[in-house]
Amino acid sequence: MSTPRVPGRAEDRGMRSLASALAAGTVLLDGGLSTRLEARGHDVSSALWSARLLRDDPAAIVAAHAAFAAAGAQVATTASYQATLEGFATTGVSRRRAEALIERSVILAREGQGEGWVAGSVGPYGAMLADGSEYTGAYVSEVDIRALRAFHRPRMELLMGAGADVLACETVPAAAEAGALVAEAVHLGVPIWLSLTTVVDDDGVVRTRRGEPAADVYALVADVPEVVAVGVNCTAPAAIGPTVAAAAVAGKPVVVYPNSREVWDAVGRRWTGSPGISPDDVPGWVAAGARLVGGCCRVRPEHIAALAAALPSAFGTES
């Protein structure tokens, strides 16, 4: 299946593709969209997370994207991480309406970002469950690859059909789900980046949250042209350096967008530690192959602005 050309994509606006830009240098991603929305007083505690605002307050999503763009972000990631047909159905939203809301996420990102690229967020199956299992991947023992492909397919089609430049297949906790997403991207003929959520074990081996060696997962996509970048997100900054090294086996640009350095104190019910990402870490990540750099949970526009000052940029280059 080929994806139709939709006005608004980079190539339709005279810009080079994201893959071409990555070949030229680094590109700055946005930060934690839900973090920004929550900071502005919006409730993102429901099972739909930030996707609720696609229906209830789309202007708030545009404003959040615009804040990151003003800080220097060159890629806006849509508010579709937890936007699925199944998830919307549990709240009484019809399939047709759910499809329109997923498509709206691209339109809102484009409106807020202005120039630049839009990445359609494709969160893992566990995000739809809203039970924290995207950080364990436990569901892959019960949901096979065929079912995972069927689950992801409609959202991937809708996001690309609405004009996304690339799909951000992110926070992927298990090799099986990574395989399902890549297989679907190949079937649909659409560009994706594949971003695992990782941990580093006591022996220094980078692993998926399910426990598989991350390097083995990255190696599987080395010859898949639909995968334009591989890497890691929703992970502590300390794990980024080792994961970039593991991702290098794919021979592709590396995407990194860690969480803030803060740690949740469950007893005190508060975040502790230093907010943001240290710009001092960025040159080492870039030297090791990182080409898409941004932030995930608790990373705010001001933190992205600090990263922008530390990054050489490919943005604005001519096609």
Protein backbone atom coordinates (compact mmCIF):
# COMPACT_ATOMS: atom_id res chain seq x y z
CA MET A 1 0.00 0.00 0.00
CA SER A 2 1.32 3.45 -0.85
CA THR A 3 0.51 6.51 1.21
CA PRO A 4 -1.10 9.36 -0.77
CA ARG A 5 0.65 12.68 -0.93
CA VAL A 6 -1.05 15.10 1.39
CA PRO A 7 -0.47 18.88 1.18
CA GLY A 8 1.40 19.95 4.28
CA ARG A 9 4.06 17.24 4.28
CA ALA A 10 7.65 18.40 4.15
CA GLU A 11 8.14 17.52 0.49
CA ASP A 12 4.94 19.36 -0.43
CA ARG A 13 6.22 22.47 1.35
CA GLY A 14 9.54 22.49 -0.49
CA MET A 15 11.46 21.08 2.48
CA ARG A 16 13.75 18.11 2.36
CA SER A 17 12.57 14.93 4.02
CA LEU A 18 13.47 14.31 7.62
CA ALA A 19 15.72 11.45 6.54
CA SER A 20 17.66 13.81 4.28
CA ALA A 21 17.95 16.38 7.05
CA LEU A 22 19.35 13.74 9.40
CA ALA A 23 22.01 12.93 6.85
CA ALA A 24 23.05 16.58 7.02
CA GLY A 25 23.11 17.08 10.78
CA THR A 26 21.07 17.09 13.96
CA VAL A 27 17.39 17.87 14.35
CA LEU A 28 15.75 19.01 17.58
CA LEU A 29 12.62 17.28 18.83
CA ASP A 30 10.05 18.69 21.20
CA GLY A 31 9.60 17.70 24.84
CA GLY A 32 6.86 16.31 27.06
CA LEU A 33 3.57 17.41 25.51
CA SER A 34 1.50 16.14 28.43
CA THR A 35 3.91 17.80 30.85
CA ARG A 36 3.30 21.13 29.13
CA LEU A 37 -0.46 20.62 29.13
CA GLU A 38 -0.49 19.67 32.79
CA ALA A 39 1.64 22.69 33.67
CA ARG A 40 -0.98 24.87 31.97
CA GLY A 41 -3.69 23.46 34.24
CA HIS A 42 -5.14 20.69 32.07
CA ASP A 43 -6.12 17.35 33.56
CA VAL A 44 -4.26 14.53 31.80
CA SER A 45 -4.94 11.86 34.40
CA SER A 46 -7.57 9.91 32.49
CA ALA A 47 -6.91 6.71 30.54
CA LEU A 48 -6.82 8.83 27.36
CA TRP A 49 -4.03 11.03 28.79
CA SER A 50 -3.37 14.03 26.51
CA ALA A 51 -5.57 12.49 23.78
CA ARG A 52 -8.62 13.62 25.76
CA LEU A 53 -7.84 17.19 24.75
CA LEU A 54 -8.05 16.31 21.05
CA ARG A 55 -11.77 16.19 21.73
CA ASP A 56 -12.19 18.58 24.64
CA ASP A 57 -9.68 21.40 24.10
CA PRO A 58 -7.79 21.24 20.80
CA ALA A 59 -6.60 24.84 21.18
CA ALA A 60 -4.61 23.80 24.23
CA ILE A 61 -2.74 21.25 22.15
CA VAL A 62 -1.91 23.84 19.48
CA ALA A 63 -0.59 26.16 22.18
CA ALA A 64 1.60 23.41 23.64
CA HIS A 65 3.10 22.61 20.24
CA ALA A 66 3.68 26.32 19.64
CA ALA A 67 5.53 26.67 22.95
CA PHE A 68 7.99 23.97 21.97
CA ALA A 69 8.39 25.42 18.47
CA ALA A 70 9.16 28.82 19.99
CA ALA A 71 11.82 27.12 22.11
CA GLY A 72 13.50 25.78 18.97
CA ALA A 73 11.89 22.37 18.43
CA GLN A 74 11.93 21.43 14.75
CA VAL A 75 9.68 18.38 15.10
CA ALA A 76 6.23 18.37 16.70
CA THR A 77 5.10 14.98 18.01
CA THR A 78 1.34 14.56 17.82
CA ALA A 79 -0.95 14.06 20.82
CA SER A 80 -1.78 10.55 19.62
CA TYR A 81 0.43 8.43 21.86
CA GLN A 82 -2.62 7.17 23.71
CA ALA A 83 -5.15 7.93 20.96
CA THR A 84 -6.45 4.59 19.71
CA LEU A 85 -9.75 3.42 18.30
CA GLU A 86 -10.08 0.98 21.20
CA GLY A 87 -9.24 3.58 23.83
CA PHE A 88 -11.72 6.10 22.49
CA ALA A 89 -14.39 3.39 22.29
CA THR A 90 -14.15 2.81 26.04
CA THR A 91 -15.20 6.45 26.55
CA GLY A 92 -18.17 6.18 24.20
CA VAL A 93 -16.53 7.77 21.15
CA SER A 94 -17.67 6.24 17.85
CA ARG A 95 -15.15 4.77 15.43
CA ARG A 96 -15.71 7.51 12.86
CA ARG A 97 -15.24 10.21 15.50
CA ALA A 98 -12.14 8.48 16.87
CA GLU A 99 -10.63 8.34 13.39
CA ALA A 100 -11.28 12.06 12.96
CA LEU A 101 -9.65 12.84 16.33
CA ILE A 102 -6.53 10.88 15.45
CA GLU A 103 -6.31 12.76 12.15
CA ARG A 104 -6.88 16.02 14.03
CA SER A 105 -3.73 15.39 16.07
CA VAL A 106 -1.66 15.92 12.91
CA ILE A 107 -3.54 19.06 11.93
CA LEU A 108 -3.08 20.57 15.40
CA ALA A 109 0.62 19.72 15.46
CA ARG A 110 1.10 21.34 12.06
CA GLU A 111 -0.75 24.45 13.23
CA GLY A 112 1.34 24.78 16.36
CA GLN A 113 4.68 23.89 14.79
CA GLY A 114 4.48 26.03 11.69
CA GLU A 115 7.67 25.24 9.77
CA GLY A 116 9.29 21.94 10.52
CA TRP A 117 8.23 18.32 10.61
CA VAL A 118 5.34 16.50 12.25
CA ALA A 119 5.88 13.07 13.77
CA GLY A 120 2.76 11.00 14.33
CA SER A 121 3.07 9.42 17.76
CA VAL A 122 2.36 5.68 17.83
CA GLY A 123 2.48 4.53 21.42
CA PRO A 124 2.73 0.85 22.39
CA TYR A 125 -0.19 -1.47 23.02
CA GLY A 126 0.42 -1.09 26.75
CA ALA A 127 -0.32 2.64 26.59
CA MET A 128 -3.88 1.86 25.52
CA LEU A 129 -4.23 -0.44 28.54
CA ALA A 130 -3.27 2.51 30.81
CA ASP A 131 -1.91 0.13 33.44
CA GLY A 132 1.80 0.86 33.19
CA SER A 133 2.49 -2.21 31.07
CA GLU A 134 4.25 -0.15 28.40
CA TYR A 135 7.14 -0.25 30.90
CA THR A 136 7.13 -4.03 31.23
CA GLY A 137 5.91 -5.38 27.89
CA ALA A 138 4.15 -8.15 29.81
CA TYR A 139 1.26 -8.18 27.34
CA VAL A 140 3.37 -9.65 24.53
CA SER A 141 3.02 -13.05 26.17
CA GLU A 142 -0.70 -12.89 25.44
CA VAL A 143 -0.96 -10.64 22.36
CA ASP A 144 0.84 -12.07 19.34
CA ILE A 145 2.53 -10.16 16.53
CA ARG A 146 -0.44 -10.53 14.19
CA ALA A 147 -2.74 -8.96 16.79
CA LEU A 148 -0.22 -6.19 17.51
CA ARG A 149 0.01 -5.37 13.80
CA ALA A 150 -3.77 -5.23 13.52
CA PHE A 151 -3.93 -2.95 16.57
CA HIS A 152 -1.35 -0.47 15.26
CA ARG A 153 -2.40 -0.46 11.59
CA PRO A 154 -5.42 1.93 11.70
CA ARG A 155 -3.62 4.63 13.65
CA MET A 156 -0.55 4.41 11.44
CA GLU A 157 -2.71 4.76 8.33
CA LEU A 158 -4.70 7.65 9.78
CA LEU A 159 -1.66 9.62 10.91
CA MET A 160 0.15 9.30 7.61
CA GLY A 161 -3.02 9.95 5.65
CA ALA A 162 -3.49 13.18 7.60
CA GLY A 163 -0.04 14.42 6.56
CA ALA A 164 2.49 13.29 9.16
CA ASP A 165 6.05 13.35 7.84
CA VAL A 166 7.12 10.31 9.86
CA LEU A 167 5.68 8.00 12.50
CA ALA A 168 7.28 8.01 15.94
CA CYS A 169 6.90 4.39 17.07
CA GLU A 170 7.93 5.11 20.61
CA THR A 171 8.29 3.79 24.14
CA VAL A 172 8.40 0.28 22.71
CA PRO A 173 9.13 -2.17 25.57
CA ALA A 174 9.59 -5.49 23.78
CA ALA A 175 11.20 -7.02 20.71
CA ALA A 176 7.92 -8.58 19.59
CA GLU A 177 6.15 -5.24 19.43
CA ALA A 178 9.12 -3.65 17.70
CA GLY A 179 8.88 -6.39 15.09
CA ALA A 180 5.15 -5.82 14.66
CA LEU A 181 5.59 -2.07 14.14
CA VAL A 182 8.40 -2.49 11.64
CA ALA A 183 6.50 -5.16 9.71
CA GLU A 184 3.49 -2.87 9.50
CA ALA A 185 5.62 0.07 8.36
CA VAL A 186 7.04 -2.08 5.57
CA HIS A 187 3.56 -3.27 4.62
CA LEU A 188 2.21 0.28 4.47
CA GLY A 189 5.37 1.74 2.93
CA VAL A 190 5.67 4.55 5.50
CA PRO A 191 8.71 6.06 7.25
CA ILE A 192 9.09 5.49 10.99
CA TRP A 193 11.58 5.90 13.75
CA LEU A 194 11.75 3.02 16.22
CA SER A 195 12.36 4.11 19.80
CA LEU A 196 12.65 1.59 22.59
CA THR A 197 12.36 2.28 26.29
CA THR A 198 15.43 0.70 27.87
CA VAL A 199 17.28 -0.13 31.06
CA VAL A 200 20.93 -0.93 31.68
CA ASP A 201 21.47 -4.10 33.69
CA ASP A 202 24.15 -4.72 36.34
CA ASP A 203 26.54 -5.97 33.66
CA GLY A 204 26.13 -2.80 31.59
CA VAL A 205 24.00 -4.48 28.92
CA VAL A 206 21.25 -2.28 27.47
CA ARG A 207 17.95 -4.16 27.47
CA THR A 208 14.34 -3.57 26.52
CA ARG A 209 11.92 -3.35 29.42
CA ARG A 210 10.99 -6.93 28.54
CA GLY A 211 14.61 -7.97 29.08
CA GLU A 212 15.90 -8.60 25.56
CA PRO A 213 19.29 -7.14 24.52
CA ALA A 214 18.42 -3.87 22.80
CA ALA A 215 21.27 -4.25 20.31
CA ASP A 216 19.61 -7.39 18.96
CA VAL A 217 16.40 -5.45 18.28
CA TYR A 218 18.23 -2.61 16.57
CA ALA A 219 20.24 -5.03 14.42
CA LEU A 220 17.04 -6.47 12.98
CA VAL A 221 16.15 -3.18 11.24
CA ALA A 222 19.57 -2.40 9.77
CA ASP A 223 18.40 -3.17 6.24
CA VAL A 224 14.85 -1.83 6.52
CA PRO A 225 14.63 1.45 4.55
CA GLU A 226 11.29 2.42 6.13
CA VAL A 227 13.09 2.81 9.47
CA VAL A 228 14.79 6.20 9.24
CA ALA A 229 16.17 6.23 12.79
CA VAL A 230 16.40 4.02 15.87
CA GLY A 231 16.91 4.89 19.50
CA VAL A 232 15.41 5.42 22.91
CA ASN A 233 12.89 7.53 24.79
CA CYS A 234 11.13 7.69 28.16
CA THR A 235 14.36 6.58 29.83
CA ALA A 236 16.57 8.20 32.46
CA PRO A 237 19.30 10.41 30.97
CA ALA A 238 21.97 8.17 32.51
CA ALA A 239 20.91 5.30 30.23
CA ILE A 240 21.09 7.34 27.02
CA GLY A 241 24.83 7.07 26.36
CA PRO A 242 24.93 3.26 26.54
CA THR A 243 21.76 2.99 24.47
CA VAL A 244 23.17 5.22 21.72
CA ALA A 245 26.15 2.88 21.56
CA ALA A 246 23.84 -0.15 21.34
CA ALA A 247 21.73 1.49 18.64
CA ALA A 248 24.80 2.13 16.47
CA VAL A 249 24.67 -1.49 15.31
CA ALA A 250 21.76 -0.55 13.01
CA GLY A 251 23.93 1.88 11.06
CA LYS A 252 21.14 4.49 11.13
CA PRO A 253 20.71 7.93 12.71
CA VAL A 254 19.92 7.61 16.40
CA VAL A 255 16.96 9.27 18.12
CA VAL A 256 17.19 10.12 21.83
CA TYR A 257 14.59 11.83 23.97
CA PRO A 258 15.03 10.97 27.63
CA ASN A 259 12.92 11.88 30.61
CA SER A 260 13.92 14.68 32.93
CA ARG A 261 16.60 13.97 35.53
CA GLU A 262 13.88 14.17 38.18
CA VAL A 263 12.86 11.07 40.14
CA TRP A 264 9.37 10.42 41.52
CA ASP A 265 9.32 10.07 45.33
CA ALA A 266 6.32 7.76 45.88
CA VAL A 267 6.38 8.29 49.65
CA GLY A 268 6.57 12.06 49.53
CA ARG A 269 4.36 12.21 46.41
CA ARG A 270 6.69 14.65 44.69
CA TRP A 271 9.42 14.90 42.09
CA THR A 272 12.99 15.23 43.36
CA GLY A 273 16.27 16.05 41.66
CA SER A 274 17.22 18.49 38.94
CA PRO A 275 14.65 19.15 36.21
CA GLY A 276 15.46 18.97 32.54
CA ILE A 277 18.33 17.40 30.62
CA SER A 278 21.91 18.54 31.01
CA PRO A 279 23.05 20.24 27.79
CA ASP A 280 26.56 19.07 28.68
CA ASP A 281 25.49 15.51 27.83
CA VAL A 282 24.37 16.37 24.31
CA PRO A 283 27.74 16.68 22.51
CA GLY A 284 28.64 13.14 23.61
CA TRP A 285 25.34 11.77 22.34
CA VAL A 286 25.80 13.53 18.99
CA ALA A 287 29.38 12.32 18.68
CA ALA A 288 28.13 8.76 19.21
CA GLY A 289 25.52 9.06 16.45
CA ALA A 290 22.47 10.85 17.90
CA ARG A 291 20.80 12.95 15.20
CA LEU A 292 17.29 13.43 16.61
CA VAL A 293 17.48 14.87 20.13
CA GLY A 294 14.72 16.05 22.43
CA GLY A 295 12.94 15.22 25.65
CA CYS A 296 10.13 13.07 27.00
CA CYS A 297 8.37 13.14 30.39
CA ARG A 298 8.88 16.28 32.50
CA VAL A 299 10.92 18.00 29.79
CA ARG A 300 9.53 21.50 29.26
CA PRO A 301 10.00 24.19 26.57
CA GLU A 302 12.74 25.91 28.55
CA HIS A 303 14.70 22.66 28.64
CA ILE A 304 14.32 22.29 24.86
CA ALA A 305 15.62 25.85 24.46
CA ALA A 306 18.73 24.85 26.43
CA LEU A 307 19.22 21.85 24.16
CA ALA A 308 18.79 24.04 21.08
CA ALA A 309 21.77 26.09 22.19
CA ALA A 310 23.86 22.94 22.43
CA LEU A 311 22.95 21.41 19.07
CA PRO A 312 24.23 22.04 15.56
CA SER A 313 21.14 22.13 13.35
CA ALA A 314 20.06 20.72 10.02
CA PHE A 315 16.83 22.68 10.11
CA GLY A 316 16.15 25.12 7.32
CA THR A 317 18.37 23.43 4.78
CA GLU A 318 17.09 23.50 1.24
CA SER A 319 15.80 20.45 -0.59
